PDB file of N, CA and C in Angstrom:
ATOM      1  N   UNK A   1      -4.043  -2.068  -3.030  1.00  0.00           N
ATOM      2  CA  UNK A   1      -2.630  -1.393  -3.329  1.00  0.00           C
ATOM      3  C   UNK A   1      -2.492  -1.811  -4.962  1.00  0.00           C
ATOM      4  N   UNK A   2      -2.372  -0.996  -5.764  1.00  0.00           N
ATOM      5  CA  UNK A   2      -1.913  -1.109  -7.276  1.00  0.00           C
ATOM      6  C   UNK A   2      -0.947  -0.526  -7.966  1.00  0.00           C
ATOM      7  N   UNK A   3      -0.094  -1.170  -8.713  1.00  0.00           N
ATOM      8  CA  UNK A   3       0.728  -0.247  -9.351  1.00  0.00           C
ATOM      9  C   UNK A   3       0.828  -0.613 -10.786  1.00  0.00           C
ATOM     10  N   UNK A   4       0.609   0.017 -11.579  1.00  0.00           N
ATOM     11  CA  UNK A   4       0.708  -0.086 -13.180  1.00  0.00           C
ATOM     12  C   UNK A   4       1.926   0.717 -13.875  1.00  0.00           C
ATOM     13  N   UNK A   5       2.539   0.197 -14.570  1.00  0.00           N
ATOM     14  CA  UNK A   5       3.591   0.620 -15.484  1.00  0.00           C
ATOM     15  C   UNK A   5       2.986   1.004 -16.661  1.00  0.00           C
ATOM     16  N   UNK A   6       3.271   1.676 -17.638  1.00  0.00           N
ATOM     17  CA  UNK A   6       3.162   2.106 -19.101  1.00  0.00           C
ATOM     18  C   UNK A   6       3.425   1.065 -19.979  1.00  0.00           C
ATOM     19  N   UNK A   7       4.316   0.065 -19.623  1.00  0.00           N
ATOM     20  CA  UNK A   7       4.823  -1.367 -20.244  1.00  0.00           C
ATOM     21  C   UNK A   7       5.050  -2.221 -19.653  1.00  0.00           C
ATOM     22  N   UNK A   8       5.032  -3.441 -19.982  1.00  0.00           N
ATOM     23  CA  UNK A   8       5.816  -4.565 -19.330  1.00  0.00           C
ATOM     24  C   UNK A   8       7.178  -4.270 -18.824  1.00  0.00           C
ATOM     25  N   UNK A   9       7.725  -4.716 -17.808  1.00  0.00           N
ATOM     26  CA  UNK A   9       8.589  -4.628 -16.819  1.00  0.00           C
ATOM     27  C   UNK A   9       9.374  -5.634 -16.541  1.00  0.00           C
ATOM     28  N   UNK A  10      10.611  -5.556 -16.020  1.00  0.00           N
ATOM     29  CA  UNK A  10      11.080  -7.067 -15.285  1.00  0.00           C
ATOM     30  C   UNK A  10      10.490  -7.282 -14.109  1.00  0.00           C
ATOM     31  N   UNK A  11      10.032  -6.305 -13.181  1.00  0.00           N
ATOM     32  CA  UNK A  11       9.871  -6.616 -12.056  1.00  0.00           C
ATOM     33  C   UNK A  11       8.733  -5.645 -11.251  1.00  0.00           C
ATOM     34  N   UNK A  12       7.824  -5.969 -11.040  1.00  0.00           N
ATOM     35  CA  UNK A  12       6.555  -4.518 -10.673  1.00  0.00           C
ATOM     36  C   UNK A  12       6.245  -5.139  -9.256  1.00  0.00           C
ATOM     37  N   UNK A  13       6.116  -3.981  -8.096  1.00  0.00           N
ATOM     38  CA  UNK A  13       5.785  -4.345  -7.106  1.00  0.00           C
ATOM     39  C   UNK A  13       4.556  -3.355  -6.057  1.00  0.00           C
ATOM     40  N   UNK A  14       3.980  -3.786  -5.280  1.00  0.00           N
ATOM     41  CA  UNK A  14       3.444  -2.953  -4.644  1.00  0.00           C
ATOM     42  C   UNK A  14       3.363  -3.442  -3.027  1.00  0.00           C
ATOM     43  N   UNK A  15       3.895  -2.524  -1.822  1.00  0.00           N
ATOM     44  CA  UNK A  15       3.783  -2.621  -0.594  1.00  0.00           C
ATOM     45  C   UNK A  15       3.062  -1.712   0.150  1.00  0.00           C
ATOM     46  N   UNK A  16       2.027  -2.123   0.859  1.00  0.00           N
ATOM     47  CA  UNK A  16       0.472  -1.559   1.501  1.00  0.00           C
ATOM     48  C   UNK A  16       0.780  -1.556   2.760  1.00  0.00           C
ATOM     49  N   UNK A  17       0.901  -0.357   3.509  1.00  0.00           N
ATOM     50  CA  UNK A  17       0.858  -0.279   5.267  1.00  0.00           C
ATOM     51  C   UNK A  17      -0.407   0.180   5.859  1.00  0.00           C
ATOM     52  N   UNK A  18      -0.925  -0.352   6.664  1.00  0.00           N
ATOM     53  CA  UNK A  18      -2.401   0.198   7.246  1.00  0.00           C
ATOM     54  C   UNK A  18      -1.777   0.629   8.318  1.00  0.00           C
ATOM     55  N   UNK A  19      -2.260   2.216   8.596  1.00  0.00           N
ATOM     56  CA  UNK A  19      -1.721   2.498  10.124  1.00  0.00           C
ATOM     57  C   UNK A  19      -2.915   3.076  10.682  1.00  0.00           C
ATOM     58  N   UNK A  20      -2.695   3.239  11.924  1.00  0.00           N
ATOM     59  CA  UNK A  20      -3.837   3.707  12.820  1.00  0.00           C
ATOM     60  C   UNK A  20      -3.046   5.074  13.614  1.00  0.00           C
ATOM     61  N   UNK A  21      -3.860   6.037  13.880  1.00  0.00           N
ATOM     62  CA  UNK A  21      -3.839   6.999  14.482  1.00  0.00           C
ATOM     63  C   UNK A  21      -3.989   6.803  16.059  1.00  0.00           C
ATOM     64  N   UNK A  22      -2.622   7.099  16.721  1.00  0.00           N
ATOM     65  CA  UNK A  22      -2.525   6.711  18.079  1.00  0.00           C
ATOM     66  C   UNK A  22      -2.018   7.882  18.719  1.00  0.00           C
ATOM     67  N   UNK A  23      -2.790   8.545  19.333  1.00  0.00           N
ATOM     68  CA  UNK A  23      -2.287  10.203  20.067  1.00  0.00           C
ATOM     69  C   UNK A  23      -1.881  10.949  18.748  1.00  0.00           C
ATOM     70  N   UNK A  24      -0.940  11.495  18.297  1.00  0.00           N
ATOM     71  CA  UNK A  24      -0.106  12.396  17.387  1.00  0.00           C
ATOM     72  C   UNK A  24       0.469  11.445  16.154  1.00  0.00           C
ATOM     73  N   UNK A  25       0.818  10.052  16.793  1.00  0.00           N
ATOM     74  CA  UNK A  25       1.552   9.430  15.413  1.00  0.00           C
ATOM     75  C   UNK A  25       0.740   7.968  15.042  1.00  0.00           C
ATOM     76  N   UNK A  26       1.353   8.122  13.598  1.00  0.00           N
ATOM     77  CA  UNK A  26       0.515   7.271  12.789  1.00  0.00           C
ATOM     78  C   UNK A  26       1.647   5.865  13.278  1.00  0.00           C
ATOM     79  N   UNK A  27       0.696   4.981  13.436  1.00  0.00           N
ATOM     80  CA  UNK A  27       1.454   3.367  13.773  1.00  0.00           C
ATOM     81  C   UNK A  27       0.643   2.522  13.107  1.00  0.00           C
ATOM     82  N   UNK A  28       1.972   1.699  12.551  1.00  0.00           N
ATOM     83  CA  UNK A  28       1.510   0.361  11.404  1.00  0.00           C
ATOM     84  C   UNK A  28       0.797  -0.310  12.382  1.00  0.00           C
ATOM     85  N   UNK A  29      -0.148  -0.765  11.475  1.00  0.00           N
ATOM     86  CA  UNK A  29      -1.285  -1.743  11.994  1.00  0.00           C
ATOM     87  C   UNK A  29      -1.126  -3.016  11.574  1.00  0.00           C
ATOM     88  N   UNK A  30      -0.749  -2.906   9.850  1.00  0.00           N
ATOM     89  CA  UNK A  30      -0.637  -4.194   9.116  1.00  0.00           C
ATOM     90  C   UNK A  30       0.374  -3.598   7.915  1.00  0.00           C
ATOM     91  N   UNK A  31       1.094  -5.152   7.451  1.00  0.00           N
ATOM     92  CA  UNK A  31       1.823  -4.473   5.998  1.00  0.00           C
ATOM     93  C   UNK A  31       1.521  -5.657   5.252  1.00  0.00           C
ATOM     94  N   UNK A  32       1.396  -5.561   3.828  1.00  0.00           N
ATOM     95  CA  UNK A  32       1.263  -6.729   2.945  1.00  0.00           C
ATOM     96  C   UNK A  32       1.775  -6.360   1.798  1.00  0.00           C
ATOM     97  N   UNK A  33       2.145  -6.971   0.507  1.00  0.00           N
ATOM     98  CA  UNK A  33       2.624  -6.914  -0.394  1.00  0.00           C
ATOM     99  C   UNK A  33       2.548  -7.661  -1.592  1.00  0.00           C
ATOM    100  N   UNK A  34       2.760  -7.730  -2.968  1.00  0.00           N
ATOM    101  CA  UNK A  34       2.804  -8.129  -3.875  1.00  0.00           C
ATOM    102  C   UNK A  34       3.952  -7.794  -4.711  1.00  0.00           C
ATOM    103  N   UNK A  35       4.021  -8.820  -5.822  1.00  0.00           N
ATOM    104  CA  UNK A  35       5.320  -8.678  -6.851  1.00  0.00           C
ATOM    105  C   UNK A  35       4.889  -9.433  -7.915  1.00  0.00           C
ATOM    106  N   UNK A  36       5.708  -9.017  -9.318  1.00  0.00           N
ATOM    107  CA  UNK A  36       5.260  -9.987 -10.461  1.00  0.00           C
ATOM    108  C   UNK A  36       6.344  -9.735 -11.190  1.00  0.00           C
ATOM    109  N   UNK A  37       6.773 -10.646 -12.227  1.00  0.00           N
ATOM    110  CA  UNK A  37       8.107 -10.068 -13.005  1.00  0.00           C
ATOM    111  C   UNK A  37       7.340 -10.228 -14.554  1.00  0.00           C
ATOM    112  N   UNK A  38       7.952  -9.572 -15.313  1.00  0.00           N
ATOM    113  CA  UNK A  38       7.514  -9.412 -16.738  1.00  0.00           C
ATOM    114  C   UNK A  38       5.846  -9.116 -16.827  1.00  0.00           C
ATOM    115  N   UNK A  39       5.789  -8.180 -16.421  1.00  0.00           N
ATOM    116  CA  UNK A  39       4.007  -7.426 -16.636  1.00  0.00           C
ATOM    117  C   UNK A  39       4.278  -6.181 -16.376  1.00  0.00           C
ATOM    118  N   UNK A  40       2.918  -5.634 -16.530  1.00  0.00           N
ATOM    119  CA  UNK A  40       2.679  -3.976 -16.261  1.00  0.00           C
ATOM    120  C   UNK A  40       1.706  -3.716 -15.325  1.00  0.00           C
ATOM    121  N   UNK A  41       1.487  -4.566 -14.550  1.00  0.00           N
ATOM    122  CA  UNK A  41       0.455  -4.487 -13.651  1.00  0.00           C
ATOM    123  C   UNK A  41       0.376  -5.197 -11.885  1.00  0.00           C
ATOM    124  N   UNK A  42       0.417  -4.999 -10.974  1.00  0.00           N
ATOM    125  CA  UNK A  42       0.234  -5.835  -9.727  1.00  0.00           C
ATOM    126  C   UNK A  42      -0.838  -5.023  -8.846  1.00  0.00           C
ATOM    127  N   UNK A  43      -1.525  -6.350  -8.113  1.00  0.00           N
ATOM    128  CA  UNK A  43      -2.258  -5.810  -6.760  1.00  0.00           C
ATOM    129  C   UNK A  43      -1.893  -6.688  -5.795  1.00  0.00           C
ATOM    130  N   UNK A  44      -2.187  -5.742  -4.666  1.00  0.00           N
ATOM    131  CA  UNK A  44      -2.199  -6.493  -3.453  1.00  0.00           C
ATOM    132  C   UNK A  44      -3.431  -6.212  -2.729  1.00  0.00           C
ATOM    133  N   UNK A  45      -4.072  -6.778  -1.958  1.00  0.00           N
ATOM    134  CA  UNK A  45      -5.021  -6.655  -1.095  1.00  0.00           C
ATOM    135  C   UNK A  45      -5.254  -7.432  -0.010  1.00  0.00           C
ATOM    136  N   UNK A  46      -6.143  -6.869   1.018  1.00  0.00           N
ATOM    137  CA  UNK A  46      -6.280  -7.895   2.266  1.00  0.00           C
ATOM    138  C   UNK A  46      -7.401  -7.527   2.818  1.00  0.00           C
ATOM    139  N   UNK A  47      -8.319  -8.570   3.701  1.00  0.00           N
ATOM    140  CA  UNK A  47      -9.238  -7.754   4.521  1.00  0.00           C
ATOM    141  C   UNK A  47      -8.975  -8.038   5.691  1.00  0.00           C
ATOM    142  N   UNK A  48      -9.059  -6.790   6.342  1.00  0.00           N
ATOM    143  CA  UNK A  48      -8.528  -6.513   7.954  1.00  0.00           C
ATOM    144  C   UNK A  48      -9.915  -6.305   8.803  1.00  0.00           C
ATOM    145  N   UNK A  49      -9.691  -6.889  10.010  1.00  0.00           N
ATOM    146  CA  UNK A  49     -10.850  -6.560  10.739  1.00  0.00           C
ATOM    147  C   UNK A  49      -9.740  -5.440  12.072  1.00  0.00           C
ATOM    148  N   UNK A  50     -10.428  -4.254  12.342  1.00  0.00           N
ATOM    149  CA  UNK A  50      -9.332  -3.390  13.215  1.00  0.00           C
ATOM    150  C   UNK A  50     -10.789  -2.816  14.343  1.00  0.00           C
ATOM    151  N   UNK A  51     -10.142  -2.322  15.585  1.00  0.00           N
ATOM    152  CA  UNK A  51     -10.766  -2.100  16.355  1.00  0.00           C
ATOM    153  C   UNK A  51     -11.058  -0.505  15.839  1.00  0.00           C
ATOM    154  N   UNK A  52     -12.863  -0.441  16.345  1.00  0.00           N
ATOM    155  CA  UNK A  52     -13.345   0.790  15.654  1.00  0.00           C
ATOM    156  C   UNK A  52     -12.653   2.231  16.912  1.00  0.00           C
ATOM    157  N   UNK A  53     -13.369   3.183  16.848  1.00  0.00           N
ATOM    158  CA  UNK A  53     -13.094   4.234  17.200  1.00  0.00           C
ATOM    159  C   UNK A  53     -11.822   4.931  17.033  1.00  0.00           C
ATOM    160  N   UNK A  54     -10.946   4.787  15.515  1.00  0.00           N
ATOM    161  CA  UNK A  54      -9.734   5.128  15.193  1.00  0.00           C
ATOM    162  C   UNK A  54      -9.797   5.939  14.278  1.00  0.00           C
ATOM    163  N   UNK A  55      -8.908   6.790  13.892  1.00  0.00           N
ATOM    164  CA  UNK A  55      -8.663   6.644  12.249  1.00  0.00           C
ATOM    165  C   UNK A  55      -7.540   5.952  11.808  1.00  0.00           C
ATOM    166  N   UNK A  56      -7.471   5.614  10.489  1.00  0.00           N
ATOM    167  CA  UNK A  56      -6.486   4.523   9.802  1.00  0.00           C
ATOM    168  C   UNK A  56      -6.350   5.240   8.188  1.00  0.00           C
ATOM    169  N   UNK A  57      -5.356   5.107   7.729  1.00  0.00           N
ATOM    170  CA  UNK A  57      -5.115   5.682   6.699  1.00  0.00           C
ATOM    171  C   UNK A  57      -4.189   4.320   6.199  1.00  0.00           C
ATOM    172  N   UNK A  58      -3.923   4.864   4.630  1.00  0.00           N
ATOM    173  CA  UNK A  58      -3.292   3.450   3.704  1.00  0.00           C
ATOM    174  C   UNK A  58      -2.128   4.083   3.030  1.00  0.00           C
ATOM    175  N   UNK A  59      -0.635   3.883   3.288  1.00  0.00           N
ATOM    176  CA  UNK A  59       0.506   4.294   2.636  1.00  0.00           C
ATOM    177  C   UNK A  59       1.001   3.170   1.653  1.00  0.00           C
ATOM    178  N   UNK A  60       1.304   3.681   0.745  1.00  0.00           N
ATOM    179  CA  UNK A  60       1.920   2.603  -0.792  1.00  0.00           C
ATOM    180  C   UNK A  60       3.150   2.874  -0.905  1.00  0.00           C
ATOM    181  N   UNK A  61       3.838   1.761  -1.593  1.00  0.00           N
ATOM    182  CA  UNK A  61       4.922   2.053  -2.171  1.00  0.00           C
ATOM    183  C   UNK A  61       5.202   1.434  -3.620  1.00  0.00           C
ATOM    184  N   UNK A  62       4.790   1.888  -4.485  1.00  0.00           N
ATOM    185  CA  UNK A  62       4.892   1.300  -5.729  1.00  0.00           C
ATOM    186  C   UNK A  62       6.164   1.255  -6.729  1.00  0.00           C
ATOM    187  N   UNK A  63       6.326   0.040  -6.829  1.00  0.00           N
ATOM    188  CA  UNK A  63       8.102   0.176  -7.657  1.00  0.00           C
ATOM    189  C   UNK A  63       7.536  -0.897  -9.117  1.00  0.00           C
ATOM    190  N   UNK A  64       8.264   0.093  -9.922  1.00  0.00           N
ATOM    191  CA  UNK A  64       8.275  -0.554 -11.578  1.00  0.00           C
ATOM    192  C   UNK A  64       9.714  -0.559 -11.831  1.00  0.00           C
ATOM    193  N   UNK A  65      10.009  -1.664 -12.166  1.00  0.00           N
ATOM    194  CA  UNK A  65      11.599  -1.837 -12.367  1.00  0.00           C
ATOM    195  C   UNK A  65      12.621  -0.883 -11.530  1.00  0.00           C
ATOM    196  N   UNK A  66      12.935  -0.046 -12.221  1.00  0.00           N
ATOM    197  CA  UNK A  66      14.147   0.963 -11.284  1.00  0.00           C
ATOM    198  C   UNK A  66      13.367   2.283 -10.681  1.00  0.00           C
ATOM    199  N   UNK A  67      12.287   2.288 -11.297  1.00  0.00           N
ATOM    200  CA  UNK A  67      11.138   3.868 -10.563  1.00  0.00           C
ATOM    201  C   UNK A  67      10.204   3.272  -9.369  1.00  0.00           C
ATOM    202  N   UNK A  68      10.399   4.322  -8.654  1.00  0.00           N
ATOM    203  CA  UNK A  68       9.365   4.101  -7.522  1.00  0.00           C
ATOM    204  C   UNK A  68       8.615   5.489  -7.189  1.00  0.00           C
ATOM    205  N   UNK A  69       7.574   5.390  -6.124  1.00  0.00           N
ATOM    206  CA  UNK A  69       6.972   6.193  -5.754  1.00  0.00           C
ATOM    207  C   UNK A  69       6.071   5.931  -4.651  1.00  0.00           C
ATOM    208  N   UNK A  70       5.502   6.797  -4.161  1.00  0.00           N
ATOM    209  CA  UNK A  70       4.446   6.399  -2.513  1.00  0.00           C
ATOM    210  C   UNK A  70       3.434   7.327  -2.944  1.00  0.00           C
ATOM    211  N   UNK A  71       1.976   6.762  -2.066  1.00  0.00           N
ATOM    212  CA  UNK A  71       1.068   7.431  -2.325  1.00  0.00           C
ATOM    213  C   UNK A  71       0.402   7.219  -0.326  1.00  0.00           C
ATOM    214  N   UNK A  72      -0.428   8.004  -0.182  1.00  0.00           N
ATOM    215  CA  UNK A  72      -0.796   7.800   1.040  1.00  0.00           C
ATOM    216  C   UNK A  72      -2.635   8.456   1.067  1.00  0.00           C
ATOM    217  N   UNK A  73      -3.520   7.928   1.833  1.00  0.00           N
ATOM    218  CA  UNK A  73      -4.900   8.193   2.129  1.00  0.00           C
ATOM    219  C   UNK A  73      -4.951   9.318   2.870  1.00  0.00           C
ATOM    220  N   UNK A  74      -5.893  10.199   2.777  1.00  0.00           N
ATOM    221  CA  UNK A  74      -6.576  10.628   3.935  1.00  0.00           C
ATOM    222  C   UNK A  74      -6.853   9.957   5.054  1.00  0.00           C
ATOM    223  N   UNK A  75      -6.636  10.369   6.399  1.00  0.00           N
ATOM    224  CA  UNK A  75      -7.238   9.638   7.466  1.00  0.00           C
ATOM    225  C   UNK A  75      -8.895   9.348   7.235  1.00  0.00           C
ATOM    226  N   UNK A  76      -9.389   7.992   7.813  1.00  0.00           N
ATOM    227  CA  UNK A  76     -10.727   7.872   7.709  1.00  0.00           C
ATOM    228  C   UNK A  76     -10.890   7.395   9.219  1.00  0.00           C
ATOM    229  N   UNK A  77     -11.809   7.898   9.722  1.00  0.00           N
ATOM    230  CA  UNK A  77     -12.271   7.284  11.084  1.00  0.00           C
ATOM    231  C   UNK A  77     -13.403   6.050  10.714  1.00  0.00           C
ATOM    232  N   UNK A  78     -13.062   5.208  11.667  1.00  0.00           N
ATOM    233  CA  UNK A  78     -13.846   3.850  11.679  1.00  0.00           C
ATOM    234  C   UNK A  78     -14.382   3.854  12.920  1.00  0.00           C
TER     235      UNK A  78
END
């Protein structure tokens, strides 16, 4: 996950939630995050080993100073 601001901000962060589809519900498989101060970008990454035969997606929460937004990927079958 990556968050980019237009300028340096007091605090910037990204939270990344990896979800697995079980039945009709997306269930959290893992969560990781990163934050920095007095900069305009932050990145969080992690290598995961997951069971095959499921759909997975990633939801991210992006925060730059007092602004925030979220994003979600399409499901990917592994």
